[in-house]
Amino acid sequence: MSEDEQWYYCVADGSVRQGKDARGLDRMGPYPDRETAKRALEIAAERNRAADKADRDWDD
């Protein structure tokens, strides 16, 4: 799948776009489809929670 066919979430305006339309600092992704890109902030929060837990477990 080329970069133009992948999906991205734009944090500047909350839009979901196909291709690298948004500025690099405002773009999250790539994601395989529109529905996954729409969940970008949720996915990032889940990953942050998992990383925080891994850090706590490491400290124990």
N, C-alpha and C. Protein backbone atom coordinates (compact mmCIF):
# COMPACT_ATOMS: atom_id res chain seq x y z
N MET A 1 0.85 -1.18 0.00
CA MET A 1 0.00 0.00 0.00
C MET A 1 0.90 1.24 0.00
N SER A 2 0.68 2.14 -0.93
CA SER A 2 1.50 3.35 -1.00
C SER A 2 1.07 4.36 0.06
N GLU A 3 1.93 5.33 0.32
CA GLU A 3 1.62 6.35 1.32
C GLU A 3 0.37 7.14 0.95
N ASP A 4 0.10 7.31 -0.34
CA ASP A 4 -1.08 8.04 -0.78
C ASP A 4 -2.37 7.27 -0.54
N GLU A 5 -2.27 5.95 -0.32
CA GLU A 5 -3.45 5.13 -0.09
C GLU A 5 -3.72 4.91 1.40
N GLN A 6 -2.76 5.25 2.25
CA GLN A 6 -2.92 5.05 3.68
C GLN A 6 -3.68 6.24 4.29
N TRP A 7 -4.19 6.02 5.50
CA TRP A 7 -5.02 7.00 6.17
C TRP A 7 -4.28 7.64 7.34
N TYR A 8 -4.57 8.91 7.58
CA TYR A 8 -3.92 9.69 8.63
C TYR A 8 -4.96 10.50 9.39
N TYR A 9 -4.63 10.79 10.65
CA TYR A 9 -5.48 11.63 11.49
C TYR A 9 -4.75 12.96 11.64
N CYS A 10 -5.43 14.06 11.40
CA CYS A 10 -4.86 15.40 11.53
C CYS A 10 -5.25 15.97 12.89
N VAL A 11 -4.26 16.16 13.77
CA VAL A 11 -4.55 16.66 15.11
C VAL A 11 -4.89 18.15 15.09
N ALA A 12 -4.53 18.86 14.05
CA ALA A 12 -4.81 20.29 13.97
C ALA A 12 -6.31 20.58 13.87
N ASP A 13 -7.02 19.72 13.11
CA ASP A 13 -8.45 19.99 12.93
C ASP A 13 -9.34 18.77 13.18
N GLY A 14 -8.74 17.62 13.55
CA GLY A 14 -9.52 16.43 13.86
C GLY A 14 -10.05 15.69 12.65
N SER A 15 -9.52 16.02 11.48
CA SER A 15 -10.01 15.35 10.27
C SER A 15 -9.23 14.07 10.01
N VAL A 16 -9.83 13.20 9.21
CA VAL A 16 -9.20 11.97 8.76
C VAL A 16 -8.98 12.14 7.26
N ARG A 17 -7.74 11.88 6.83
CA ARG A 17 -7.38 12.14 5.44
C ARG A 17 -6.64 10.95 4.85
N GLN A 18 -6.85 10.76 3.58
CA GLN A 18 -6.10 9.72 2.88
C GLN A 18 -4.91 10.40 2.21
N GLY A 19 -3.72 9.89 2.48
CA GLY A 19 -2.50 10.49 1.95
C GLY A 19 -1.94 11.51 2.92
N LYS A 20 -0.71 11.90 2.68
CA LYS A 20 0.00 12.84 3.56
C LYS A 20 -0.40 14.27 3.25
N ASP A 21 -1.66 14.57 3.45
CA ASP A 21 -2.21 15.88 3.14
C ASP A 21 -1.86 16.91 4.22
N ALA A 22 -1.81 16.49 5.45
CA ALA A 22 -1.55 17.40 6.57
C ALA A 22 -0.04 17.53 6.81
N ARG A 23 0.32 18.62 7.46
CA ARG A 23 1.70 18.88 7.85
C ARG A 23 2.19 17.74 8.75
N GLY A 24 3.45 17.36 8.65
CA GLY A 24 4.00 16.22 9.38
C GLY A 24 3.79 16.28 10.88
N LEU A 25 3.92 17.45 11.48
CA LEU A 25 3.75 17.59 12.93
C LEU A 25 2.30 17.44 13.36
N ASP A 26 1.38 17.62 12.45
CA ASP A 26 -0.05 17.52 12.75
C ASP A 26 -0.65 16.17 12.39
N ARG A 27 0.18 15.27 11.88
CA ARG A 27 -0.33 14.02 11.31
C ARG A 27 -0.01 12.83 12.20
N MET A 28 -1.00 11.98 12.43
CA MET A 28 -0.80 10.69 13.12
C MET A 28 -1.10 9.60 12.11
N GLY A 29 -0.27 8.58 12.10
CA GLY A 29 -0.49 7.48 11.19
C GLY A 29 0.82 7.06 10.56
N PRO A 30 0.75 6.21 9.62
CA PRO A 30 -0.41 5.83 8.82
C PRO A 30 -1.22 4.72 9.47
N TYR A 31 -2.46 4.66 9.05
CA TYR A 31 -3.40 3.62 9.46
C TYR A 31 -3.91 2.92 8.21
N PRO A 32 -4.31 1.66 8.33
CA PRO A 32 -4.71 0.89 7.14
C PRO A 32 -6.05 1.30 6.54
N ASP A 33 -6.92 1.92 7.36
CA ASP A 33 -8.24 2.29 6.84
C ASP A 33 -8.77 3.51 7.59
N ARG A 34 -9.84 4.08 7.06
CA ARG A 34 -10.44 5.31 7.61
C ARG A 34 -10.92 5.11 9.05
N GLU A 35 -11.58 3.99 9.32
CA GLU A 35 -12.12 3.74 10.66
C GLU A 35 -11.02 3.68 11.71
N THR A 36 -9.91 3.07 11.40
CA THR A 36 -8.79 3.00 12.35
C THR A 36 -8.19 4.38 12.54
N ALA A 37 -8.06 5.15 11.48
CA ALA A 37 -7.52 6.52 11.59
C ALA A 37 -8.42 7.39 12.46
N LYS A 38 -9.74 7.18 12.39
CA LYS A 38 -10.67 7.95 13.22
C LYS A 38 -10.43 7.68 14.70
N ARG A 39 -9.87 6.53 15.04
CA ARG A 39 -9.61 6.15 16.43
C ARG A 39 -8.18 6.51 16.87
N ALA A 40 -7.47 7.33 16.11
CA ALA A 40 -6.05 7.61 16.37
C ALA A 40 -5.80 8.07 17.80
N LEU A 41 -6.58 8.99 18.31
CA LEU A 41 -6.36 9.49 19.67
C LEU A 41 -6.65 8.40 20.71
N GLU A 42 -7.67 7.61 20.47
CA GLU A 42 -7.99 6.49 21.36
C GLU A 42 -6.87 5.45 21.36
N ILE A 43 -6.36 5.14 20.18
CA ILE A 43 -5.26 4.18 20.06
C ILE A 43 -4.02 4.70 20.79
N ALA A 44 -3.72 5.98 20.62
CA ALA A 44 -2.56 6.58 21.30
C ALA A 44 -2.74 6.52 22.82
N ALA A 45 -3.94 6.79 23.31
CA ALA A 45 -4.20 6.73 24.75
C ALA A 45 -4.03 5.31 25.28
N GLU A 46 -4.51 4.32 24.52
CA GLU A 46 -4.36 2.91 24.92
C GLU A 46 -2.87 2.53 25.00
N ARG A 47 -2.10 2.97 24.01
CA ARG A 47 -0.67 2.67 23.99
C ARG A 47 0.05 3.36 25.15
N ASN A 48 -0.36 4.59 25.46
CA ASN A 48 0.25 5.30 26.59
C ASN A 48 -0.05 4.59 27.91
N ARG A 49 -1.29 4.13 28.09
CA ARG A 49 -1.64 3.40 29.31
C ARG A 49 -0.81 2.12 29.43
N ALA A 50 -0.64 1.41 28.32
CA ALA A 50 0.15 0.18 28.33
C ALA A 50 1.62 0.48 28.65
N ALA A 51 2.16 1.55 28.10
CA ALA A 51 3.55 1.92 28.38
C ALA A 51 3.72 2.35 29.83
N ASP A 52 2.76 3.10 30.35
CA ASP A 52 2.81 3.51 31.77
C ASP A 52 2.77 2.28 32.68
N LYS A 53 1.92 1.31 32.34
CA LYS A 53 1.85 0.08 33.14
C LYS A 53 3.18 -0.67 33.07
N ALA A 54 3.76 -0.76 31.88
CA ALA A 54 5.04 -1.44 31.72
C ALA A 54 6.12 -0.75 32.55
N ASP A 55 6.10 0.58 32.61
CA ASP A 55 7.05 1.32 33.45
C ASP A 55 6.86 1.00 34.92
N ARG A 56 5.59 0.97 35.35
CA ARG A 56 5.32 0.66 36.77
C ARG A 56 5.77 -0.76 37.10
N ASP A 57 5.47 -1.70 36.19
CA ASP A 57 5.87 -3.09 36.41
C ASP A 57 7.39 -3.22 36.46
N TRP A 58 8.09 -2.46 35.67
CA TRP A 58 9.55 -2.48 35.63
C TRP A 58 10.13 -2.00 36.97
N ASP A 59 9.47 -1.01 37.56
CA ASP A 59 9.93 -0.43 38.82
C ASP A 59 9.70 -1.37 40.00
N ASP A 60 8.76 -2.29 39.88
CA ASP A 60 8.43 -3.20 41.00
C ASP A 60 9.47 -4.24 41.23
